[in-house]
Protein backbone atom coordinates (compact mmCIF):
# COMPACT_ATOMS: atom_id res chain seq x y z
CA UNK A 1 344.50 197.70 139.95
CA UNK A 2 346.83 197.87 136.73
CA UNK A 3 350.79 197.60 136.74
CA UNK A 4 353.30 199.54 136.14
CA UNK A 5 356.70 197.80 134.75
CA UNK A 6 359.71 200.11 135.86
CA UNK A 7 363.11 199.59 133.78
CA UNK A 8 366.08 200.73 135.12
CA UNK A 9 366.55 201.46 138.49
CA UNK A 10 369.63 203.40 139.58
CA UNK A 11 369.56 206.41 141.37
CA UNK A 12 366.33 208.01 140.23
CA UNK A 13 364.61 204.97 139.22
CA UNK A 14 365.39 203.47 142.01
CA UNK A 15 363.66 206.46 144.12
CA UNK A 16 361.63 206.84 141.69
CA UNK A 17 360.78 203.24 142.09
CA UNK A 18 359.79 203.30 145.74
CA UNK A 19 358.04 206.45 145.91
CA UNK A 20 355.28 204.68 143.13
CA UNK A 21 355.51 201.14 145.56
CA UNK A 22 354.78 203.76 149.10
CA UNK A 23 351.72 204.86 147.30
CA UNK A 24 350.13 201.92 146.20
CA UNK A 25 351.19 201.75 143.12
CA UNK A 26 351.95 197.66 141.84
CA UNK A 27 355.16 197.37 140.50
CA UNK A 28 357.13 194.66 138.52
CA UNK A 29 360.87 196.42 138.07
CA UNK A 30 364.10 195.38 136.03
CA UNK A 31 367.72 196.61 136.53
CA UNK A 32 370.63 195.27 134.90
CA UNK A 33 372.25 194.36 138.23
CA UNK A 34 369.68 192.38 140.75
CA UNK A 35 371.14 194.39 143.67
CA UNK A 36 368.07 197.58 143.69
CA UNK A 37 365.52 194.33 142.44
CA UNK A 38 365.86 192.69 145.58
CA UNK A 39 365.92 195.92 147.69
CA UNK A 40 362.64 196.89 145.70
CA UNK A 41 360.91 192.94 145.75
CA UNK A 42 361.52 193.46 149.80
CA UNK A 43 358.91 195.74 149.87
CA UNK A 44 356.37 194.22 147.31
CA UNK A 45 357.33 194.78 143.86
CA UNK A 46 357.28 191.71 141.73
CA UNK A 47 361.15 191.05 140.00
CA UNK A 48 360.98 190.31 136.31
CA UNK A 49 364.30 188.08 134.77
CA UNK A 50 364.35 191.12 131.68
CA UNK A 51 362.58 194.04 130.25
CA UNK A 52 359.89 192.18 127.21
CA UNK A 53 359.17 189.65 130.62
CA UNK A 54 357.95 193.28 132.94
CA UNK A 55 356.38 194.78 130.04
CA UNK A 56 354.22 191.60 129.06
CA UNK A 57 351.59 192.36 131.87
CA UNK A 58 352.30 195.80 132.17
CA UNK A 59 349.20 199.25 131.66
CA UNK A 60 352.27 201.59 132.22
CA UNK A 61 355.42 200.57 130.87
CA UNK A 62 358.13 203.13 132.30
CA UNK A 63 362.27 203.68 131.38
CA UNK A 64 364.63 205.50 133.24
CA UNK A 65 368.07 204.70 132.25
CA UNK A 66 371.61 206.34 130.75
CA UNK A 67 371.40 207.40 127.48
CA UNK A 68 369.72 206.83 124.10
CA UNK A 69 372.10 203.60 124.01
CA UNK A 70 371.24 201.82 127.08
CA UNK A 71 367.27 203.21 126.47
CA UNK A 72 367.75 201.14 122.89
CA UNK A 73 368.88 198.37 124.79
CA UNK A 74 366.26 198.11 127.03
CA UNK A 75 363.53 198.64 124.35
CA UNK A 76 364.26 197.32 120.98
CA UNK A 77 366.83 194.41 121.64
CA UNK A 78 365.62 191.37 119.71
CA UNK A 79 365.70 188.67 122.32
CA UNK A 80 364.93 191.17 125.67
CA UNK A 81 363.56 194.64 124.60
CA UNK A 82 360.71 195.66 126.35
CA UNK A 83 358.52 196.90 123.25
CA UNK A 84 357.96 193.15 121.71
CA UNK A 85 355.94 192.41 125.17
CA UNK A 86 354.48 195.85 125.17
CA UNK A 87 350.16 194.73 125.02
CA UNK A 88 347.84 196.49 123.23
CA UNK A 89 346.61 199.62 124.94
CA UNK A 90 349.47 200.03 126.83
CA UNK A 91 351.66 203.19 127.26
CA UNK A 92 355.10 203.12 126.79
CA UNK A 93 356.80 205.79 129.01
CA UNK A 94 360.41 207.04 128.27
CA UNK A 95 361.84 209.29 131.58
CA UNK A 96 365.45 208.98 130.31
CA UNK A 97 366.90 212.18 129.22
CA UNK A 98 367.09 211.18 125.47
CA UNK A 99 367.40 212.78 122.05
CA UNK A 100 364.25 213.36 119.79
CA UNK A 101 365.81 211.27 117.32
CA UNK A 102 365.35 208.19 119.62
CA UNK A 103 362.14 209.43 120.60
CA UNK A 104 361.18 208.85 117.04
CA UNK A 105 362.34 205.08 116.31
CA UNK A 106 360.56 204.43 119.35
CA UNK A 107 357.32 205.85 119.12
CA UNK A 108 357.47 203.70 115.65
CA UNK A 109 358.23 200.47 117.43
CA UNK A 110 355.39 201.06 119.95
CA UNK A 111 353.01 202.10 117.65
CA UNK A 112 353.74 198.65 115.75
CA UNK A 113 352.58 197.26 118.84
CA UNK A 114 349.61 198.95 119.23
CA UNK A 115 350.36 201.22 122.26
CA UNK A 116 351.74 204.60 123.12
CA UNK A 117 354.29 206.26 123.11
CA UNK A 118 354.80 209.62 125.87
CA UNK A 119 358.22 211.00 126.35
CA UNK A 120 358.38 212.30 129.75
CA UNK A 121 361.63 213.38 131.24
CA UNK A 122 361.81 215.08 134.55
CA UNK A 123 362.86 218.26 135.85
CA UNK A 124 364.69 217.66 139.31
CA UNK A 125 367.28 215.67 141.25
CA UNK A 126 367.37 213.26 143.83
CA UNK A 127 365.51 215.35 146.92
CA UNK A 128 362.30 216.33 143.93
CA UNK A 129 361.98 212.52 143.29
CA UNK A 130 362.11 211.69 147.44
CA UNK A 131 359.52 214.70 148.03
CA UNK A 132 357.13 213.85 145.12
CA UNK A 133 358.32 217.17 143.57
CA UNK A 134 359.16 216.27 140.21
CA UNK A 135 357.70 218.19 137.14
CA UNK A 136 356.99 215.84 134.29
CA UNK A 137 357.83 217.43 131.08
CA UNK A 138 355.20 215.76 128.24
CA UNK A 139 355.60 214.89 124.83
CA UNK A 140 352.62 212.87 122.36
CA UNK A 141 349.26 212.07 122.25
CA UNK A 142 346.82 213.57 125.15
CA UNK A 143 344.62 211.31 126.25
CA UNK A 144 347.95 208.74 126.75
CA UNK A 145 349.42 211.61 128.27
CA UNK A 146 346.95 211.94 130.81
CA UNK A 147 347.24 208.17 131.25
CA UNK A 148 351.08 208.87 132.18
CA UNK A 149 349.73 211.90 134.62
CA UNK A 150 347.66 209.11 136.73
CA UNK A 151 349.84 206.13 136.94
CA UNK A 152 352.52 208.56 137.71
CA UNK A 153 350.72 211.06 140.39
CA UNK A 154 352.91 210.88 143.00
CA UNK A 155 356.61 211.07 141.42
CA UNK A 156 355.59 215.02 140.93
CA UNK A 157 353.98 218.40 141.68
CA UNK A 158 353.60 219.03 138.07
CA UNK A 159 352.72 217.44 134.66
CA UNK A 160 353.12 219.58 131.64
CA UNK A 161 351.95 219.00 128.38
CA UNK A 162 354.32 220.35 125.64
CA UNK A 163 352.64 218.83 122.34
CA UNK A 164 353.71 216.18 120.03
CA UNK A 165 355.36 213.51 120.46
CA UNK A 166 359.13 214.59 121.34
CA UNK A 167 358.68 217.49 122.54
CA UNK A 168 359.60 216.37 126.05
CA UNK A 169 362.72 215.16 125.27
CA UNK A 170 363.47 218.51 123.17
CA UNK A 171 362.07 220.99 126.12
CA UNK A 172 363.97 218.76 128.82
CA UNK A 173 367.58 219.48 126.69
CA UNK A 174 366.42 222.92 126.88
CA UNK A 175 366.49 222.87 130.43
CA UNK A 176 369.83 221.22 130.85
CA UNK A 177 371.29 223.67 128.68
CA UNK A 178 370.39 225.99 130.54
CA UNK A 179 371.40 224.60 134.30
CA UNK A 180 374.58 223.15 132.54
CA UNK A 181 375.56 226.83 131.91
CA UNK A 182 374.41 228.59 135.10
CA UNK A 183 376.26 226.20 137.07
CA UNK A 184 379.89 226.63 135.02
CA UNK A 185 379.25 230.25 135.31
CA UNK A 186 378.97 230.11 138.67
CA UNK A 187 381.84 227.92 139.44
CA UNK A 188 384.34 230.86 137.24
CA UNK A 189 382.11 233.88 139.06
CA UNK A 190 382.88 231.93 142.96
CA UNK A 191 386.20 231.39 141.62
CA UNK A 192 387.06 234.61 140.71
CA UNK A 193 385.26 236.38 144.20
CA UNK A 194 387.64 234.35 145.70
CA UNK A 195 391.19 235.29 144.63
CA UNK A 196 389.87 239.08 145.15
CA UNK A 197 389.50 237.82 148.56
CA UNK A 198 385.95 236.91 149.58
CA UNK A 199 385.00 234.49 151.89
CA UNK A 200 383.28 232.09 149.36
CA UNK A 201 380.08 230.95 151.61
CA UNK A 202 379.16 234.92 152.61
CA UNK A 203 379.66 235.55 148.21
CA UNK A 204 377.27 232.22 147.44
CA UNK A 205 374.60 234.28 149.83
CA UNK A 206 375.14 237.30 148.61
CA UNK A 207 374.96 235.80 145.16
CA UNK A 208 371.61 233.60 146.35
CA UNK A 209 369.75 236.95 147.06
CA UNK A 210 370.54 238.77 143.90
CA UNK A 211 367.77 239.35 141.44
CA UNK A 212 369.65 238.03 138.53
CA UNK A 213 370.30 234.63 140.43
CA UNK A 214 368.26 231.95 139.31
CA UNK A 215 367.07 229.50 142.41
CA UNK A 216 369.26 226.56 140.90
CA UNK A 217 372.13 229.04 139.99
CA UNK A 218 371.91 230.07 143.62
CA UNK A 219 371.61 226.11 145.02
CA UNK A 220 374.32 225.06 143.08
CA UNK A 221 376.26 228.10 144.44
CA UNK A 222 375.68 227.14 147.65
CA UNK A 223 377.03 223.61 147.48
CA UNK A 224 380.45 224.75 145.69
CA UNK A 225 381.41 227.18 148.38
CA UNK A 226 380.47 224.70 150.99
CA UNK A 227 382.41 221.98 148.42
CA UNK A 228 379.46 219.67 149.39
CA UNK A 229 379.87 217.20 146.13
CA UNK A 230 377.62 213.99 147.10
CA UNK A 231 375.71 213.07 143.68
CA UNK A 232 372.39 214.17 142.87
CA UNK A 233 373.97 215.07 138.76
CA UNK A 234 376.49 213.70 138.21
CA UNK A 235 379.35 215.82 135.87
CA UNK A 236 378.86 212.68 133.65
CA UNK A 237 375.02 213.56 132.71
CA UNK A 238 375.57 216.92 132.12
CA UNK A 239 378.58 215.98 129.48
CA UNK A 240 375.84 213.92 127.90
CA UNK A 241 373.05 216.27 128.22
CA UNK A 242 374.80 219.01 126.64
CA UNK A 243 376.19 217.10 123.75
CA UNK A 244 372.95 215.84 122.86
CA UNK A 245 371.59 219.93 123.10
CA UNK A 246 374.41 220.73 121.02
CA UNK A 247 373.78 217.87 118.26
CA UNK A 248 369.79 218.95 118.38
CA UNK A 249 370.85 222.68 118.06
CA UNK A 250 373.57 221.01 114.82
CA UNK A 251 370.24 219.89 113.01
CA UNK A 252 368.31 223.16 113.03
CA UNK A 253 371.93 224.91 112.27
CA UNK A 254 371.23 226.99 115.78
CA UNK A 255 373.99 227.69 117.19
CA UNK A 256 375.57 227.17 120.57
CA UNK A 257 378.52 228.42 121.63
CA UNK A 258 377.43 228.86 125.08
CA UNK A 259 376.46 225.13 125.30
CA UNK A 260 380.00 224.57 123.95
CA UNK A 261 381.22 226.12 126.32
CA UNK A 262 379.68 224.69 129.45
CA UNK A 263 380.35 221.65 127.51
CA UNK A 264 384.06 222.05 127.60
CA UNK A 265 383.74 222.87 131.59
CA UNK A 266 382.29 219.75 131.97
CA UNK A 267 384.63 217.75 129.70
CA UNK A 268 387.31 219.49 131.86
CA UNK A 269 386.22 217.35 134.99
CA UNK A 270 384.89 214.28 133.89
CA UNK A 271 388.68 214.00 132.89
CA UNK A 272 389.80 215.17 136.26
CA UNK A 273 388.45 212.17 138.03
CA UNK A 274 385.36 213.74 138.37
CA UNK A 275 382.21 212.16 136.23
CA UNK A 276 380.62 210.46 138.90
CA UNK A 277 381.02 213.16 141.15
CA UNK A 278 377.55 216.46 141.34
CA UNK A 279 377.91 218.96 138.96
CA UNK A 280 378.67 221.91 141.62
CA UNK A 281 382.21 219.78 141.29
CA UNK A 282 383.28 222.22 138.47
CA UNK A 283 384.50 224.16 140.82
CA UNK A 284 387.21 222.69 141.79
CA UNK A 285 388.82 222.84 138.62
CA UNK A 286 389.83 226.92 139.80
CA UNK A 287 392.55 227.92 142.36
């Protein structure tokens, strides 16, 4: 049986690791704090002292962390980085939502070890992880992508190989560009309807049935109307993703005024103390 190293056991990563264990994958895990490790070792995972140690005996090495800086520390730290522990023929998998520029940098370091990198961020939040219904967006070598699909099959209802290295990361930023704009707009629309005397829950249901409203916007509208903001996709993570999307656009001289407007809304929510709350909490910015 092949071994998967799983690095980063936050809200998403811990659930992903648990689902892999529940589906008879052999895991070695690492996290900056030991508590998630203990929960998973009780289920059969082996805890490693560092990302490098976790990677040394693994056929597939997965990172699921918050941003470019956290991923760089996990993979490229001179003493503890996972890249230095990769064995020849291993597949490194960056599942974090990061920039294509970071993927290019990491790809060079992984190739120098005789391994392959696949960027494989996911579409879907906590309920989708628990149900094994994520969509995995992959960039990289097709043969390596096939290995990722086999190793991580319990996590997803679909795997989409989008082309060369970096395409998964770029497409994930495009998805969150769309999602962030829709959430910000839904908060504005519901606030306007409520101000005109509409019952907000009824309005959210009516909007959900309209052909112009996406399933994601409908979901967030219902959460807003019910004032339910338990964390699934934190405001601060949306701030990060929209900033990355704008950086990518700027590098290609692509104007993104809607992303900039949505970013301003989420930054305001973060400054109001909602950074760790679900993205639906931007509704609280309006009367």
